Structures are given as C-alpha cells and as structure tokens.
Amino acid sequence: MDKEPKGRSLQLSDQERAALSDKMHAQILESRRVGFSLRGSDEIISQCLVAEMPGTPAGEVSCCGAKDFLIDEIREFTDAEGNPSQVRCASSAILEMTDAPIHLHAATLEYYIILSGSGKMVLGCGASERIVPVKEGSVVLLPPGQPHGIASDDAEVPIKALLIFSPGLAPVSLPEFRDEEIIHPRTSERLRVLEAM
C-alpha cells in the first residue's frame, strides 16, 4: 500500500473501498432539487449562499480523500414504490487527495479546481484512456460517464482541490442514492500500468 501523509489518513483503506464499491453503481436516479444549504445548517434556501473554504479539510474521509463540505444541494429522490427521500448531496467540497480510485458518475457533472499540490489524473478508458498532469491552477471538467482518478506526485504531499458537483453528489453513507462506480481501486496502480506501456 502507498504511504499516507503523516498524522492522518486521507482516504479509505483498500478494504473499505472494496466494500463500498460493492454497494455503488453508476445509475441515473429520479430526483428533484429542493434547495441548497450550508453544510451544518438546517436552513434550506433557494437564494445565494456564501461558504468559507477551510485551511485543511478535517471532515470525513471519503472514497477519494479527506473532505470538508461547503454547500449542499438538497435533493428529493423517489424510489421504485414512489416514496420520496430528501438527501443532503454535496454541491461543493474541499478535498485533500493522495491516491483516489478511478471512478465515474452516471449523471453528475464534476469540476476539479486544483488549489495546491501536483499529480496526475487518469481520464477515460480503453482506447481513450490517457494521463493528464495537474497542478495548482488546473481546472478539470468531467462530464457524466467520464472515468477519472487522481494521484499526487508525492504521497506525503496531497493534492488540495475544490470540487463542484452538479447535480449534488449523495454521501457515501447512502450508496443507494449515489451515481458512482469504482473502476480501479487506486489511480497510482493504474498509472504504473499505463506508464509501462
């Protein structure tokens, strides 16, 4: 296993990723936007919101890295029986990542805005699979269905990025509402294969 920055884990273990991968599927679910909310607030509004970016993400450890959520999109999902469920879905978040899995989203458009650090992203699959270097100032647009993963150049120095999701991305604790599928558990492992070709 690759080294993690000293002092804290920035990602789920391989076993945790495998268990999560078994529960998530790239699927388009019926939902509608109810409104937006600052993370930590119960107030749902449809107006403008202003959130402050944290210095170092201290929130939950997710599939891709240590994440602090800024703004949530409240979405109402309807199950096969017509029952509604309101879910707080990440609209914007700050992540620190060292070695994310390569994954895709069925319906979510995603932006990575690299704030610090450097690394490589694996984009696409099959004949369209390629390696793209990223660094501070890089902006990456990922349409729905686009496989992607990121790994930092130095396992001791994470990549810090602002991520924006549209529609909002359901939490990993509610995989039944998440439109995500993991393709490779670690971007670094796929990079080694691609760079050896």
N, C-alpha and C. Protein backbone atom coordinates (compact mmCIF):
# COMPACT_ATOMS: atom_id res chain seq x y z
N MET A 1 0.84 -1.18 0.00
CA MET A 1 0.00 0.00 0.00
C MET A 1 0.88 1.24 0.00
N ASP A 2 0.48 2.26 -0.74
CA ASP A 2 1.23 3.51 -0.79
C ASP A 2 1.17 4.22 0.55
N LYS A 3 2.19 5.03 0.82
CA LYS A 3 2.25 5.77 2.08
C LYS A 3 1.20 6.87 2.11
N GLU A 4 0.71 7.14 3.31
CA GLU A 4 -0.20 8.26 3.55
C GLU A 4 0.60 9.38 4.21
N PRO A 5 0.18 10.65 4.00
CA PRO A 5 0.84 11.73 4.73
C PRO A 5 0.78 11.46 6.23
N LYS A 6 1.85 11.84 6.92
CA LYS A 6 1.94 11.57 8.35
C LYS A 6 0.84 12.31 9.11
N GLY A 7 0.31 11.64 10.16
CA GLY A 7 -0.61 12.29 11.07
C GLY A 7 -2.08 11.97 10.84
N ARG A 8 -2.48 11.63 9.63
CA ARG A 8 -3.89 11.31 9.42
C ARG A 8 -4.07 10.59 8.09
N SER A 9 -5.13 9.83 8.02
CA SER A 9 -5.45 9.12 6.79
C SER A 9 -6.28 10.04 5.90
N LEU A 10 -5.93 10.09 4.62
CA LEU A 10 -6.66 10.93 3.67
C LEU A 10 -7.64 10.14 2.82
N GLN A 11 -7.69 8.83 3.01
CA GLN A 11 -8.58 8.05 2.17
C GLN A 11 -9.01 6.78 2.89
N LEU A 12 -10.03 6.17 2.34
CA LEU A 12 -10.48 4.89 2.87
C LEU A 12 -9.43 3.83 2.57
N SER A 13 -9.41 2.79 3.39
CA SER A 13 -8.49 1.68 3.14
C SER A 13 -8.97 0.92 1.90
N ASP A 14 -8.11 0.06 1.38
CA ASP A 14 -8.49 -0.75 0.22
C ASP A 14 -9.70 -1.63 0.55
N GLN A 15 -9.76 -2.16 1.77
CA GLN A 15 -10.89 -3.00 2.17
C GLN A 15 -12.19 -2.17 2.24
N GLU A 16 -12.09 -0.95 2.79
CA GLU A 16 -13.27 -0.08 2.86
C GLU A 16 -13.75 0.31 1.47
N ARG A 17 -12.82 0.57 0.55
CA ARG A 17 -13.18 0.90 -0.83
C ARG A 17 -13.87 -0.28 -1.50
N ALA A 18 -13.35 -1.48 -1.28
CA ALA A 18 -13.94 -2.67 -1.90
C ALA A 18 -15.37 -2.88 -1.40
N ALA A 19 -15.58 -2.70 -0.10
CA ALA A 19 -16.92 -2.86 0.46
C ALA A 19 -17.87 -1.81 -0.10
N LEU A 20 -17.39 -0.58 -0.24
CA LEU A 20 -18.20 0.50 -0.79
C LEU A 20 -18.49 0.26 -2.27
N SER A 21 -17.49 -0.21 -2.99
CA SER A 21 -17.63 -0.48 -4.42
C SER A 21 -18.74 -1.50 -4.68
N ASP A 22 -18.88 -2.46 -3.80
CA ASP A 22 -19.92 -3.48 -3.95
C ASP A 22 -21.33 -2.89 -3.82
N LYS A 23 -21.45 -1.74 -3.15
CA LYS A 23 -22.76 -1.13 -2.91
C LYS A 23 -23.12 -0.04 -3.91
N MET A 24 -22.11 0.48 -4.65
CA MET A 24 -22.36 1.62 -5.54
C MET A 24 -22.43 1.16 -6.99
N HIS A 25 -23.31 1.82 -7.74
CA HIS A 25 -23.48 1.50 -9.15
C HIS A 25 -23.74 2.79 -9.92
N ALA A 26 -23.15 2.89 -11.11
CA ALA A 26 -23.39 4.06 -11.95
C ALA A 26 -24.82 3.97 -12.46
N GLN A 27 -25.70 4.72 -11.83
CA GLN A 27 -27.12 4.67 -12.17
C GLN A 27 -27.69 6.08 -12.15
N ILE A 28 -28.66 6.31 -13.00
CA ILE A 28 -29.35 7.59 -13.01
C ILE A 28 -30.64 7.40 -12.25
N LEU A 29 -30.78 8.16 -11.17
CA LEU A 29 -31.95 8.05 -10.30
C LEU A 29 -32.86 9.25 -10.48
N GLU A 30 -34.14 9.02 -10.35
CA GLU A 30 -35.13 10.09 -10.43
C GLU A 30 -35.01 10.97 -9.18
N SER A 31 -34.81 12.28 -9.39
CA SER A 31 -34.72 13.19 -8.25
C SER A 31 -35.04 14.60 -8.71
N ARG A 32 -35.29 15.46 -7.71
CA ARG A 32 -35.52 16.88 -7.99
C ARG A 32 -34.82 17.70 -6.92
N ARG A 33 -34.43 18.92 -7.30
CA ARG A 33 -33.78 19.82 -6.35
C ARG A 33 -34.84 20.47 -5.47
N VAL A 34 -34.60 20.45 -4.14
CA VAL A 34 -35.47 21.11 -3.18
C VAL A 34 -34.91 22.49 -2.84
N GLY A 35 -33.58 22.60 -2.77
CA GLY A 35 -32.92 23.86 -2.44
C GLY A 35 -31.47 23.60 -2.09
N PHE A 36 -30.84 24.59 -1.46
CA PHE A 36 -29.44 24.49 -1.07
C PHE A 36 -29.31 24.82 0.41
N SER A 37 -28.19 24.39 1.00
CA SER A 37 -27.95 24.66 2.41
C SER A 37 -26.44 24.68 2.65
N LEU A 38 -26.01 25.55 3.56
CA LEU A 38 -24.63 25.47 4.01
C LEU A 38 -24.48 24.19 4.81
N ARG A 39 -23.37 23.50 4.68
CA ARG A 39 -23.15 22.28 5.46
C ARG A 39 -23.18 22.65 6.93
N GLY A 40 -23.93 21.89 7.71
CA GLY A 40 -24.06 22.16 9.14
C GLY A 40 -25.28 22.98 9.49
N SER A 41 -25.95 23.53 8.49
CA SER A 41 -27.15 24.34 8.73
C SER A 41 -28.39 23.54 8.32
N ASP A 42 -29.48 23.74 9.05
CA ASP A 42 -30.74 23.08 8.69
C ASP A 42 -31.58 23.93 7.76
N GLU A 43 -31.18 25.17 7.55
CA GLU A 43 -31.95 26.09 6.71
C GLU A 43 -31.77 25.74 5.23
N ILE A 44 -32.88 25.53 4.55
CA ILE A 44 -32.86 25.25 3.11
C ILE A 44 -33.33 26.50 2.40
N ILE A 45 -32.49 26.99 1.48
CA ILE A 45 -32.85 28.22 0.76
C ILE A 45 -32.66 28.02 -0.73
N SER A 46 -33.22 28.91 -1.51
CA SER A 46 -33.04 28.86 -2.97
C SER A 46 -32.26 30.07 -3.45
N GLN A 47 -31.76 30.87 -2.51
CA GLN A 47 -31.03 32.09 -2.85
C GLN A 47 -29.53 31.83 -2.86
N CYS A 48 -28.77 32.89 -2.95
CA CYS A 48 -27.31 32.80 -2.97
C CYS A 48 -26.78 32.37 -1.61
N LEU A 49 -25.70 31.61 -1.63
CA LEU A 49 -25.01 31.18 -0.42
C LEU A 49 -23.54 31.55 -0.52
N VAL A 50 -22.93 31.84 0.60
CA VAL A 50 -21.50 32.10 0.66
C VAL A 50 -20.92 31.16 1.71
N ALA A 51 -19.92 30.39 1.31
CA ALA A 51 -19.25 29.46 2.23
C ALA A 51 -17.77 29.81 2.28
N GLU A 52 -17.15 29.55 3.39
CA GLU A 52 -15.71 29.80 3.55
C GLU A 52 -14.96 28.48 3.42
N MET A 53 -13.87 28.49 2.63
CA MET A 53 -13.06 27.29 2.48
C MET A 53 -12.18 27.11 3.71
N PRO A 54 -12.11 25.89 4.23
CA PRO A 54 -11.24 25.63 5.38
C PRO A 54 -9.78 25.59 4.95
N GLY A 55 -8.88 25.82 5.90
CA GLY A 55 -7.46 25.75 5.59
C GLY A 55 -7.03 24.33 5.24
N THR A 56 -7.41 23.39 6.08
CA THR A 56 -7.11 21.97 5.87
C THR A 56 -8.39 21.19 6.12
N PRO A 57 -8.83 20.38 5.15
CA PRO A 57 -10.04 19.60 5.37
C PRO A 57 -9.90 18.70 6.60
N ALA A 58 -10.88 18.78 7.47
CA ALA A 58 -10.88 17.98 8.69
C ALA A 58 -12.15 17.15 8.78
N GLY A 59 -12.95 17.18 7.74
CA GLY A 59 -14.23 16.47 7.75
C GLY A 59 -14.04 14.97 7.57
N GLU A 60 -14.98 14.36 6.91
CA GLU A 60 -14.95 12.91 6.78
C GLU A 60 -13.91 12.45 5.77
N VAL A 61 -13.49 11.20 5.92
CA VAL A 61 -12.62 10.57 4.95
C VAL A 61 -13.54 9.85 3.99
N SER A 62 -13.44 10.22 2.72
CA SER A 62 -14.33 9.65 1.72
C SER A 62 -13.57 8.70 0.81
N CYS A 63 -14.22 8.27 -0.21
CA CYS A 63 -13.63 7.37 -1.19
C CYS A 63 -12.38 7.98 -1.81
N CYS A 64 -12.41 9.29 -2.07
CA CYS A 64 -11.30 9.95 -2.78
C CYS A 64 -10.31 10.64 -1.87
N GLY A 65 -10.74 11.09 -0.69
CA GLY A 65 -9.82 11.81 0.18
C GLY A 65 -10.50 12.40 1.39
N ALA A 66 -9.76 13.22 2.14
CA ALA A 66 -10.31 13.94 3.29
C ALA A 66 -11.12 15.11 2.74
N LYS A 67 -12.36 15.20 3.17
CA LYS A 67 -13.31 16.11 2.53
C LYS A 67 -14.02 16.99 3.55
N ASP A 68 -14.08 18.28 3.26
CA ASP A 68 -14.93 19.20 4.01
C ASP A 68 -15.96 19.74 3.03
N PHE A 69 -17.22 19.58 3.38
CA PHE A 69 -18.29 20.02 2.50
C PHE A 69 -18.59 21.48 2.77
N LEU A 70 -18.90 22.22 1.73
CA LEU A 70 -19.18 23.64 1.86
C LEU A 70 -20.67 23.90 1.68
N ILE A 71 -21.18 23.54 0.54
CA ILE A 71 -22.59 23.78 0.21
C ILE A 71 -23.23 22.47 -0.23
N ASP A 72 -24.40 22.20 0.32
CA ASP A 72 -25.16 21.00 -0.06
C ASP A 72 -26.31 21.38 -0.97
N GLU A 73 -26.62 20.50 -1.88
CA GLU A 73 -27.86 20.58 -2.65
C GLU A 73 -28.80 19.57 -2.03
N ILE A 74 -29.96 20.02 -1.62
CA ILE A 74 -30.95 19.12 -1.05
C ILE A 74 -31.76 18.55 -2.21
N ARG A 75 -31.69 17.22 -2.37
CA ARG A 75 -32.39 16.55 -3.48
C ARG A 75 -33.42 15.58 -2.91
N GLU A 76 -34.52 15.49 -3.60
CA GLU A 76 -35.55 14.53 -3.22
C GLU A 76 -35.55 13.40 -4.24
N PHE A 77 -35.20 12.21 -3.76
CA PHE A 77 -35.17 11.01 -4.59
C PHE A 77 -36.47 10.25 -4.39
N THR A 78 -36.92 9.58 -5.43
CA THR A 78 -38.14 8.77 -5.35
C THR A 78 -37.77 7.34 -5.67
N ASP A 79 -38.13 6.41 -4.76
CA ASP A 79 -37.79 5.01 -5.01
C ASP A 79 -38.81 4.36 -5.93
N ALA A 80 -38.63 3.08 -6.23
CA ALA A 80 -39.47 2.35 -7.18
C ALA A 80 -40.94 2.33 -6.77
N GLU A 81 -41.19 2.43 -5.47
CA GLU A 81 -42.58 2.42 -4.97
C GLU A 81 -43.17 3.83 -4.90
N GLY A 82 -42.40 4.84 -5.29
CA GLY A 82 -42.90 6.21 -5.28
C GLY A 82 -42.69 6.94 -3.97
N ASN A 83 -41.90 6.37 -3.06
CA ASN A 83 -41.64 7.01 -1.76
C ASN A 83 -40.50 8.02 -1.88
N PRO A 84 -40.72 9.27 -1.42
CA PRO A 84 -39.66 10.29 -1.51
C PRO A 84 -38.69 10.23 -0.33
N SER A 85 -37.44 10.59 -0.58
CA SER A 85 -36.42 10.73 0.46
C SER A 85 -35.60 11.97 0.17
N GLN A 86 -35.51 12.89 1.14
CA GLN A 86 -34.66 14.07 0.97
C GLN A 86 -33.25 13.73 1.43
N VAL A 87 -32.27 14.07 0.58
CA VAL A 87 -30.88 13.73 0.84
C VAL A 87 -30.02 14.98 0.66
N ARG A 88 -29.10 15.22 1.63
CA ARG A 88 -28.13 16.31 1.52
C ARG A 88 -27.01 15.81 0.61
N CYS A 89 -26.91 16.38 -0.56
CA CYS A 89 -25.91 15.98 -1.55
C CYS A 89 -24.86 17.08 -1.69
N ALA A 90 -23.61 16.70 -1.76
CA ALA A 90 -22.51 17.67 -1.87
C ALA A 90 -22.62 18.43 -3.19
N SER A 91 -22.66 19.75 -3.09
CA SER A 91 -22.62 20.61 -4.27
C SER A 91 -21.21 21.16 -4.46
N SER A 92 -20.53 21.46 -3.34
CA SER A 92 -19.13 21.88 -3.39
C SER A 92 -18.43 21.37 -2.14
N ALA A 93 -17.17 21.02 -2.32
CA ALA A 93 -16.37 20.46 -1.22
C ALA A 93 -14.90 20.73 -1.48
N ILE A 94 -14.12 20.76 -0.40
CA ILE A 94 -12.67 20.83 -0.47
C ILE A 94 -12.15 19.43 -0.16
N LEU A 95 -11.26 18.94 -1.00
CA LEU A 95 -10.68 17.62 -0.77
C LEU A 95 -9.17 17.70 -0.76
N GLU A 96 -8.56 16.85 0.07
CA GLU A 96 -7.14 16.58 0.00
C GLU A 96 -7.03 15.12 -0.39
N MET A 97 -6.29 14.86 -1.49
CA MET A 97 -6.23 13.51 -2.06
C MET A 97 -4.79 13.10 -2.31
N THR A 98 -4.49 11.84 -2.06
CA THR A 98 -3.18 11.30 -2.40
C THR A 98 -3.30 10.22 -3.47
N ASP A 99 -4.35 9.41 -3.41
CA ASP A 99 -4.49 8.29 -4.35
C ASP A 99 -5.95 7.87 -4.41
N ALA A 100 -6.72 8.58 -5.21
CA ALA A 100 -8.16 8.30 -5.32
C ALA A 100 -8.39 7.09 -6.24
N PRO A 101 -9.54 6.46 -6.13
CA PRO A 101 -9.85 5.40 -7.08
C PRO A 101 -10.24 6.01 -8.43
N ILE A 102 -10.08 5.25 -9.49
CA ILE A 102 -10.63 5.66 -10.78
C ILE A 102 -12.09 5.26 -10.75
N HIS A 103 -12.96 6.24 -11.03
CA HIS A 103 -14.40 6.01 -10.91
C HIS A 103 -15.13 6.87 -11.94
N LEU A 104 -16.42 6.67 -12.02
CA LEU A 104 -17.24 7.51 -12.90
C LEU A 104 -18.59 7.75 -12.23
N HIS A 105 -19.26 8.78 -12.71
CA HIS A 105 -20.61 9.13 -12.24
C HIS A 105 -21.56 9.07 -13.43
N ALA A 106 -22.72 8.47 -13.23
CA ALA A 106 -23.69 8.32 -14.33
C ALA A 106 -24.34 9.64 -14.71
N ALA A 107 -24.64 10.49 -13.72
CA ALA A 107 -25.39 11.72 -14.00
C ALA A 107 -24.69 12.99 -13.55
N THR A 108 -23.64 12.88 -12.75
CA THR A 108 -23.01 14.05 -12.13
C THR A 108 -21.93 14.65 -13.01
N LEU A 109 -22.06 15.95 -13.27
CA LEU A 109 -21.01 16.76 -13.89
C LEU A 109 -20.11 17.22 -12.76
N GLU A 110 -18.79 17.10 -12.92
CA GLU A 110 -17.87 17.40 -11.82
C GLU A 110 -16.74 18.30 -12.31
N TYR A 111 -16.37 19.27 -11.47
CA TYR A 111 -15.21 20.12 -11.73
C TYR A 111 -14.18 19.89 -10.63
N TYR A 112 -12.92 19.75 -11.01
CA TYR A 112 -11.80 19.76 -10.09
C TYR A 112 -11.07 21.07 -10.32
N ILE A 113 -10.91 21.89 -9.29
CA ILE A 113 -10.12 23.11 -9.37
C ILE A 113 -8.96 22.91 -8.39
N ILE A 114 -7.76 22.70 -8.94
CA ILE A 114 -6.61 22.35 -8.12
C ILE A 114 -6.09 23.61 -7.43
N LEU A 115 -6.09 23.59 -6.08
CA LEU A 115 -5.67 24.72 -5.27
C LEU A 115 -4.20 24.63 -4.88
N SER A 116 -3.70 23.40 -4.66
CA SER A 116 -2.29 23.21 -4.33
C SER A 116 -1.91 21.76 -4.60
N GLY A 117 -0.61 21.55 -4.70
CA GLY A 117 -0.10 20.21 -4.97
C GLY A 117 -0.05 19.93 -6.46
N SER A 118 0.49 18.77 -6.79
CA SER A 118 0.56 18.36 -8.19
C SER A 118 0.42 16.85 -8.26
N GLY A 119 0.03 16.39 -9.43
CA GLY A 119 -0.13 14.96 -9.61
C GLY A 119 -0.55 14.64 -11.02
N LYS A 120 -1.15 13.47 -11.16
CA LYS A 120 -1.60 13.02 -12.46
C LYS A 120 -3.02 12.50 -12.33
N MET A 121 -3.79 12.77 -13.38
CA MET A 121 -5.14 12.21 -13.47
C MET A 121 -5.15 11.18 -14.60
N VAL A 122 -5.89 10.11 -14.37
CA VAL A 122 -6.18 9.15 -15.44
C VAL A 122 -7.60 9.49 -15.88
N LEU A 123 -7.75 9.75 -17.17
CA LEU A 123 -9.05 10.12 -17.74
C LEU A 123 -9.42 9.14 -18.84
N GLY A 124 -10.69 8.77 -18.90
CA GLY A 124 -11.18 7.89 -19.95
C GLY A 124 -10.89 6.44 -19.65
N CYS A 125 -11.22 5.59 -20.62
CA CYS A 125 -10.94 4.16 -20.50
C CYS A 125 -10.76 3.59 -21.90
N GLY A 126 -10.18 2.42 -21.95
CA GLY A 126 -9.96 1.78 -23.25
C GLY A 126 -9.06 2.62 -24.13
N ALA A 127 -9.43 2.74 -25.41
CA ALA A 127 -8.62 3.47 -26.38
C ALA A 127 -8.51 4.95 -26.05
N SER A 128 -9.48 5.50 -25.29
CA SER A 128 -9.45 6.93 -24.96
C SER A 128 -8.76 7.23 -23.63
N GLU A 129 -8.26 6.21 -22.94
CA GLU A 129 -7.61 6.40 -21.63
C GLU A 129 -6.30 7.16 -21.80
N ARG A 130 -6.11 8.20 -20.95
CA ARG A 130 -4.90 8.99 -21.04
C ARG A 130 -4.51 9.53 -19.66
N ILE A 131 -3.24 9.94 -19.56
CA ILE A 131 -2.71 10.53 -18.34
C ILE A 131 -2.58 12.03 -18.56
N VAL A 132 -3.07 12.82 -17.58
CA VAL A 132 -3.01 14.27 -17.68
C VAL A 132 -2.37 14.81 -16.40
N PRO A 133 -1.26 15.56 -16.52
CA PRO A 133 -0.67 16.16 -15.32
C PRO A 133 -1.54 17.32 -14.83
N VAL A 134 -1.64 17.48 -13.50
CA VAL A 134 -2.39 18.59 -12.91
C VAL A 134 -1.53 19.24 -11.84
N LYS A 135 -1.75 20.54 -11.65
CA LYS A 135 -1.01 21.30 -10.64
C LYS A 135 -1.89 22.47 -10.21
N GLU A 136 -1.41 23.25 -9.26
CA GLU A 136 -2.14 24.43 -8.81
C GLU A 136 -2.57 25.26 -10.01
N GLY A 137 -3.85 25.59 -10.06
CA GLY A 137 -4.40 26.37 -11.16
C GLY A 137 -5.08 25.53 -12.23
N SER A 138 -4.86 24.22 -12.24
CA SER A 138 -5.53 23.37 -13.23
C SER A 138 -7.02 23.28 -12.92
N VAL A 139 -7.82 23.32 -13.97
CA VAL A 139 -9.27 23.14 -13.86
C VAL A 139 -9.65 21.99 -14.77
N VAL A 140 -10.33 20.99 -14.22
CA VAL A 140 -10.70 19.81 -14.99
C VAL A 140 -12.21 19.68 -14.98
N LEU A 141 -12.81 19.58 -16.16
CA LEU A 141 -14.26 19.36 -16.31
C LEU A 141 -14.47 17.90 -16.64
N LEU A 142 -15.33 17.24 -15.86
CA LEU A 142 -15.61 15.82 -16.05
C LEU A 142 -17.10 15.62 -16.31
N PRO A 143 -17.47 15.38 -17.57
CA PRO A 143 -18.88 15.13 -17.87
C PRO A 143 -19.34 13.81 -17.28
N PRO A 144 -20.64 13.61 -17.11
CA PRO A 144 -21.14 12.32 -16.65
C PRO A 144 -20.61 11.19 -17.54
N GLY A 145 -20.31 10.06 -16.93
CA GLY A 145 -19.83 8.90 -17.66
C GLY A 145 -18.34 8.89 -17.94
N GLN A 146 -17.61 9.94 -17.55
CA GLN A 146 -16.16 10.06 -17.82
C GLN A 146 -15.37 9.42 -16.68
N PRO A 147 -14.71 8.28 -16.91
CA PRO A 147 -13.87 7.71 -15.86
C PRO A 147 -12.73 8.67 -15.52
N HIS A 148 -12.41 8.77 -14.22
CA HIS A 148 -11.36 9.67 -13.77
C HIS A 148 -10.83 9.24 -12.41
N GLY A 149 -9.55 9.54 -12.19
CA GLY A 149 -8.92 9.29 -10.91
C GLY A 149 -7.70 10.19 -10.80
N ILE A 150 -7.25 10.43 -9.59
CA ILE A 150 -6.13 11.35 -9.38
C ILE A 150 -5.19 10.77 -8.32
N ALA A 151 -3.90 10.99 -8.54
CA ALA A 151 -2.88 10.59 -7.56
C ALA A 151 -1.85 11.70 -7.48
N SER A 152 -1.42 12.01 -6.25
CA SER A 152 -0.42 13.07 -6.08
C SER A 152 0.96 12.57 -6.49
N ASP A 153 1.80 13.50 -6.88
CA ASP A 153 3.18 13.16 -7.26
C ASP A 153 3.98 12.64 -6.07
N ASP A 154 3.61 13.09 -4.87
CA ASP A 154 4.31 12.71 -3.65
C ASP A 154 3.27 12.29 -2.63
N ALA A 155 3.33 11.04 -2.17
CA ALA A 155 2.35 10.52 -1.22
C ALA A 155 2.35 11.30 0.10
N GLU A 156 3.41 12.09 0.37
CA GLU A 156 3.47 12.90 1.58
C GLU A 156 2.84 14.28 1.39
N VAL A 157 2.56 14.66 0.13
CA VAL A 157 2.01 15.98 -0.18
C VAL A 157 0.72 15.81 -0.98
N PRO A 158 -0.43 15.90 -0.32
CA PRO A 158 -1.69 15.69 -1.03
C PRO A 158 -2.01 16.82 -2.00
N ILE A 159 -2.84 16.50 -2.96
CA ILE A 159 -3.42 17.50 -3.85
C ILE A 159 -4.64 18.05 -3.14
N LYS A 160 -4.74 19.37 -3.07
CA LYS A 160 -5.91 20.02 -2.47
C LYS A 160 -6.73 20.62 -3.62
N ALA A 161 -8.01 20.30 -3.64
CA ALA A 161 -8.86 20.76 -4.75
C ALA A 161 -10.23 21.16 -4.25
N LEU A 162 -10.81 22.13 -4.96
CA LEU A 162 -12.21 22.47 -4.79
C LEU A 162 -12.96 21.63 -5.82
N LEU A 163 -13.93 20.85 -5.36
CA LEU A 163 -14.75 20.04 -6.26
C LEU A 163 -16.16 20.59 -6.27
N ILE A 164 -16.73 20.66 -7.46
CA ILE A 164 -18.10 21.13 -7.64
C ILE A 164 -18.86 20.03 -8.37
N PHE A 165 -20.02 19.66 -7.84
CA PHE A 165 -20.83 18.57 -8.38
C PHE A 165 -22.19 19.10 -8.82
N SER A 166 -22.65 18.71 -10.00
CA SER A 166 -23.98 19.09 -10.47
C SER A 166 -24.60 17.94 -11.26
N PRO A 167 -25.72 17.37 -10.80
CA PRO A 167 -26.38 17.67 -9.52
C PRO A 167 -25.50 17.23 -8.36
N GLY A 168 -25.90 17.64 -7.16
CA GLY A 168 -25.14 17.29 -5.97
C GLY A 168 -24.95 15.79 -5.83
N LEU A 169 -23.85 15.40 -5.20
CA LEU A 169 -23.46 14.00 -5.06
C LEU A 169 -23.85 13.50 -3.67
N ALA A 170 -24.64 12.44 -3.63
CA ALA A 170 -25.10 11.85 -2.36
C ALA A 170 -23.91 11.33 -1.56
N PRO A 171 -24.02 11.29 -0.24
CA PRO A 171 -22.91 10.84 0.60
C PRO A 171 -22.64 9.34 0.44
N VAL A 172 -21.39 8.93 0.74
CA VAL A 172 -21.04 7.52 0.65
C VAL A 172 -21.84 6.68 1.64
N SER A 173 -22.35 7.30 2.70
CA SER A 173 -23.16 6.57 3.67
C SER A 173 -24.53 6.19 3.11
N LEU A 174 -24.90 6.76 1.95
CA LEU A 174 -26.17 6.44 1.29
C LEU A 174 -25.88 5.99 -0.16
N PRO A 175 -25.18 4.87 -0.32
CA PRO A 175 -24.78 4.45 -1.67
C PRO A 175 -25.95 4.20 -2.61
N GLU A 176 -27.13 3.92 -2.06
CA GLU A 176 -28.31 3.69 -2.91
C GLU A 176 -28.74 4.93 -3.67
N PHE A 177 -28.27 6.12 -3.23
CA PHE A 177 -28.60 7.38 -3.92
C PHE A 177 -27.40 7.95 -4.68
N ARG A 178 -26.33 7.20 -4.73
CA ARG A 178 -25.09 7.69 -5.35
C ARG A 178 -24.96 7.12 -6.76
N ASP A 179 -24.54 7.94 -7.70
CA ASP A 179 -24.44 7.51 -9.11
C ASP A 179 -23.00 7.18 -9.49
N GLU A 180 -22.30 6.49 -8.62
CA GLU A 180 -20.86 6.29 -8.77
C GLU A 180 -20.51 4.80 -8.89
N GLU A 181 -19.50 4.54 -9.70
CA GLU A 181 -18.97 3.18 -9.83
C GLU A 181 -17.45 3.26 -9.82
N ILE A 182 -16.82 2.43 -8.99
CA ILE A 182 -15.36 2.38 -8.93
C ILE A 182 -14.86 1.39 -9.98
N ILE A 183 -13.90 1.86 -10.80
CA ILE A 183 -13.36 1.04 -11.88
C ILE A 183 -12.02 0.41 -11.47
N HIS A 184 -11.13 1.22 -10.87
CA HIS A 184 -9.84 0.75 -10.34
C HIS A 184 -9.71 1.29 -8.93
N PRO A 185 -9.28 0.48 -7.96
CA PRO A 185 -9.25 0.94 -6.57
C PRO A 185 -8.23 2.03 -6.29
N ARG A 186 -7.14 2.11 -7.07
CA ARG A 186 -6.11 3.13 -6.84
C ARG A 186 -5.61 3.67 -8.17
N THR A 187 -5.63 5.00 -8.30
CA THR A 187 -5.12 5.62 -9.52
C THR A 187 -3.64 5.31 -9.69
N SER A 188 -2.86 5.30 -8.60
CA SER A 188 -1.41 5.06 -8.70
C SER A 188 -1.11 3.72 -9.36
N GLU A 189 -1.90 2.70 -9.05
CA GLU A 189 -1.67 1.39 -9.65
C GLU A 189 -1.95 1.41 -11.14
N ARG A 190 -3.00 2.11 -11.56
CA ARG A 190 -3.32 2.21 -12.98
C ARG A 190 -2.26 3.05 -13.70
N LEU A 191 -1.77 4.11 -13.06
CA LEU A 191 -0.70 4.91 -13.65
C LEU A 191 0.53 4.07 -13.95
N ARG A 192 0.91 3.20 -13.00
CA ARG A 192 2.08 2.34 -13.22
C ARG A 192 1.89 1.46 -14.47
N VAL A 193 0.69 0.91 -14.65
CA VAL A 193 0.41 0.07 -15.82
C VAL A 193 0.49 0.91 -17.10
N LEU A 194 -0.17 2.07 -17.10
CA LEU A 194 -0.19 2.90 -18.30
C LEU A 194 1.19 3.44 -18.66
N GLU A 195 1.96 3.83 -17.65
CA GLU A 195 3.29 4.39 -17.91
C GLU A 195 4.28 3.31 -18.38
N ALA A 196 3.99 2.05 -18.08
CA ALA A 196 4.86 0.95 -18.52
C ALA A 196 4.55 0.52 -19.96
N MET A 197 3.43 0.97 -20.50
CA MET A 197 3.04 0.56 -21.85
C MET A 197 3.84 1.28 -22.92
